[in-house]
């Protein structure tokens, strides 16, 4: 019973789904207002989880998202 945006976080992390997937997904479940602002946060959750479980190979992706989120807060 998780939020659909969390599902899209893992999809973004591994980016194995093309534009047709996202279009079809959002036709069935339209993005909630503000989704674009939360997308990086949901993806960061998965990067941090993978970093903890699988090691430092996920550090770079996590830090990139943290920097992007912090930059967005200063706008």
C-alpha atoms as a PDB file:
ATOM      1  CA  UNK A   1       0.000   0.000   0.000  1.00  0.00           C
ATOM      2  CA  UNK A   2       2.514   2.572  -1.104  1.00  0.00           C
ATOM      3  CA  UNK A   3       2.090   5.797  -2.963  1.00  0.00           C
ATOM      4  CA  UNK A   4       2.356   5.491  -6.732  1.00  0.00           C
ATOM      5  CA  UNK A   5       5.002   8.206  -6.821  1.00  0.00           C
ATOM      6  CA  UNK A   6       7.332   5.893  -4.884  1.00  0.00           C
ATOM      7  CA  UNK A   7       6.979   3.367  -7.705  1.00  0.00           C
ATOM      8  CA  UNK A   8       7.999   6.028 -10.186  1.00  0.00           C
ATOM      9  CA  UNK A   9      11.037   6.823  -8.036  1.00  0.00           C
ATOM     10  CA  UNK A  10      12.489   3.367  -8.626  1.00  0.00           C
ATOM     11  CA  UNK A  11      11.547   3.576 -12.312  1.00  0.00           C
ATOM     12  CA  UNK A  12      13.486   6.847 -12.579  1.00  0.00           C
ATOM     13  CA  UNK A  13      16.446   5.369 -10.758  1.00  0.00           C
ATOM     14  CA  UNK A  14      16.918   2.586 -13.275  1.00  0.00           C
ATOM     15  CA  UNK A  15      15.449   4.481 -16.252  1.00  0.00           C
ATOM     16  CA  UNK A  16      14.543   1.352 -18.144  1.00  0.00           C
ATOM     17  CA  UNK A  17      11.148   2.682 -19.131  1.00  0.00           C
ATOM     18  CA  UNK A  18      10.657   5.031 -22.051  1.00  0.00           C
ATOM     19  CA  UNK A  19       8.245   7.873 -22.692  1.00  0.00           C
ATOM     20  CA  UNK A  20       5.470   5.494 -23.788  1.00  0.00           C
ATOM     21  CA  UNK A  21       5.474   3.873 -20.332  1.00  0.00           C
ATOM     22  CA  UNK A  22       5.191   7.228 -18.550  1.00  0.00           C
ATOM     23  CA  UNK A  23       2.456   8.434 -20.900  1.00  0.00           C
ATOM     24  CA  UNK A  24       0.423   5.268 -20.373  1.00  0.00           C
ATOM     25  CA  UNK A  25       1.028   5.272 -16.618  1.00  0.00           C
ATOM     26  CA  UNK A  26      -0.176   8.863 -16.275  1.00  0.00           C
ATOM     27  CA  UNK A  27      -3.227   8.202 -18.432  1.00  0.00           C
ATOM     28  CA  UNK A  28      -4.346   5.660 -15.832  1.00  0.00           C
ATOM     29  CA  UNK A  29      -3.055   7.532 -12.790  1.00  0.00           C
ATOM     30  CA  UNK A  30      -2.480  11.228 -13.492  1.00  0.00           C
ATOM     31  CA  UNK A  31       0.342  12.840 -11.526  1.00  0.00           C
ATOM     32  CA  UNK A  32      -0.777  14.737  -8.441  1.00  0.00           C
ATOM     33  CA  UNK A  33      -0.096  18.474  -8.330  1.00  0.00           C
ATOM     34  CA  UNK A  34       3.544  19.074  -7.415  1.00  0.00           C
ATOM     35  CA  UNK A  35       4.729  15.659  -8.589  1.00  0.00           C
ATOM     36  CA  UNK A  36       7.610  17.120 -10.583  1.00  0.00           C
ATOM     37  CA  UNK A  37       8.920  18.771  -7.412  1.00  0.00           C
ATOM     38  CA  UNK A  38       8.754  15.459  -5.499  1.00  0.00           C
ATOM     39  CA  UNK A  39      10.126  13.165  -8.192  1.00  0.00           C
ATOM     40  CA  UNK A  40      13.783  13.575  -7.157  1.00  0.00           C
ATOM     41  CA  UNK A  41      12.903  13.032  -3.509  1.00  0.00           C
ATOM     42  CA  UNK A  42      11.204   9.721  -4.272  1.00  0.00           C
ATOM     43  CA  UNK A  43      14.159   8.646  -6.378  1.00  0.00           C
ATOM     44  CA  UNK A  44      16.586   9.692  -3.632  1.00  0.00           C
ATOM     45  CA  UNK A  45      14.833   7.334  -1.221  1.00  0.00           C
ATOM     46  CA  UNK A  46      15.735   4.390  -3.452  1.00  0.00           C
ATOM     47  CA  UNK A  47      19.324   5.554  -3.979  1.00  0.00           C
ATOM     48  CA  UNK A  48      19.846   5.832  -0.216  1.00  0.00           C
ATOM     49  CA  UNK A  49      18.270   2.424   0.331  1.00  0.00           C
ATOM     50  CA  UNK A  50      20.498   0.816  -2.313  1.00  0.00           C
ATOM     51  CA  UNK A  51      23.557   2.619  -0.929  1.00  0.00           C
ATOM     52  CA  UNK A  52      22.866   1.117   2.496  1.00  0.00           C
ATOM     53  CA  UNK A  53      22.197  -2.389   1.190  1.00  0.00           C
ATOM     54  CA  UNK A  54      24.629  -2.702  -1.729  1.00  0.00           C
ATOM     55  CA  UNK A  55      27.359  -0.209  -0.933  1.00  0.00           C
ATOM     56  CA  UNK A  56      29.006   2.960  -2.133  1.00  0.00           C
ATOM     57  CA  UNK A  57      28.297   2.354  -5.811  1.00  0.00           C
ATOM     58  CA  UNK A  58      25.046   4.245  -5.246  1.00  0.00           C
ATOM     59  CA  UNK A  59      26.663   7.176  -3.428  1.00  0.00           C
ATOM     60  CA  UNK A  60      27.212   9.294  -6.540  1.00  0.00           C
ATOM     61  CA  UNK A  61      23.598   9.091  -7.648  1.00  0.00           C
ATOM     62  CA  UNK A  62      22.367   9.884  -4.149  1.00  0.00           C
ATOM     63  CA  UNK A  63      24.634  12.901  -3.819  1.00  0.00           C
ATOM     64  CA  UNK A  64      23.633  14.201  -7.256  1.00  0.00           C
ATOM     65  CA  UNK A  65      19.984  14.090  -6.235  1.00  0.00           C
ATOM     66  CA  UNK A  66      20.700  15.747  -2.866  1.00  0.00           C
ATOM     67  CA  UNK A  67      22.488  18.588  -4.645  1.00  0.00           C
ATOM     68  CA  UNK A  68      19.650  18.982  -7.142  1.00  0.00           C
ATOM     69  CA  UNK A  69      17.066  19.015  -4.335  1.00  0.00           C
ATOM     70  CA  UNK A  70      19.037  21.578  -2.339  1.00  0.00           C
ATOM     71  CA  UNK A  71      19.491  23.762  -5.405  1.00  0.00           C
ATOM     72  CA  UNK A  72      15.747  23.619  -5.996  1.00  0.00           C
ATOM     73  CA  UNK A  73      15.071  24.806  -2.443  1.00  0.00           C
ATOM     74  CA  UNK A  74      17.100  27.942  -3.062  1.00  0.00           C
ATOM     75  CA  UNK A  75      15.014  29.047  -6.043  1.00  0.00           C
END
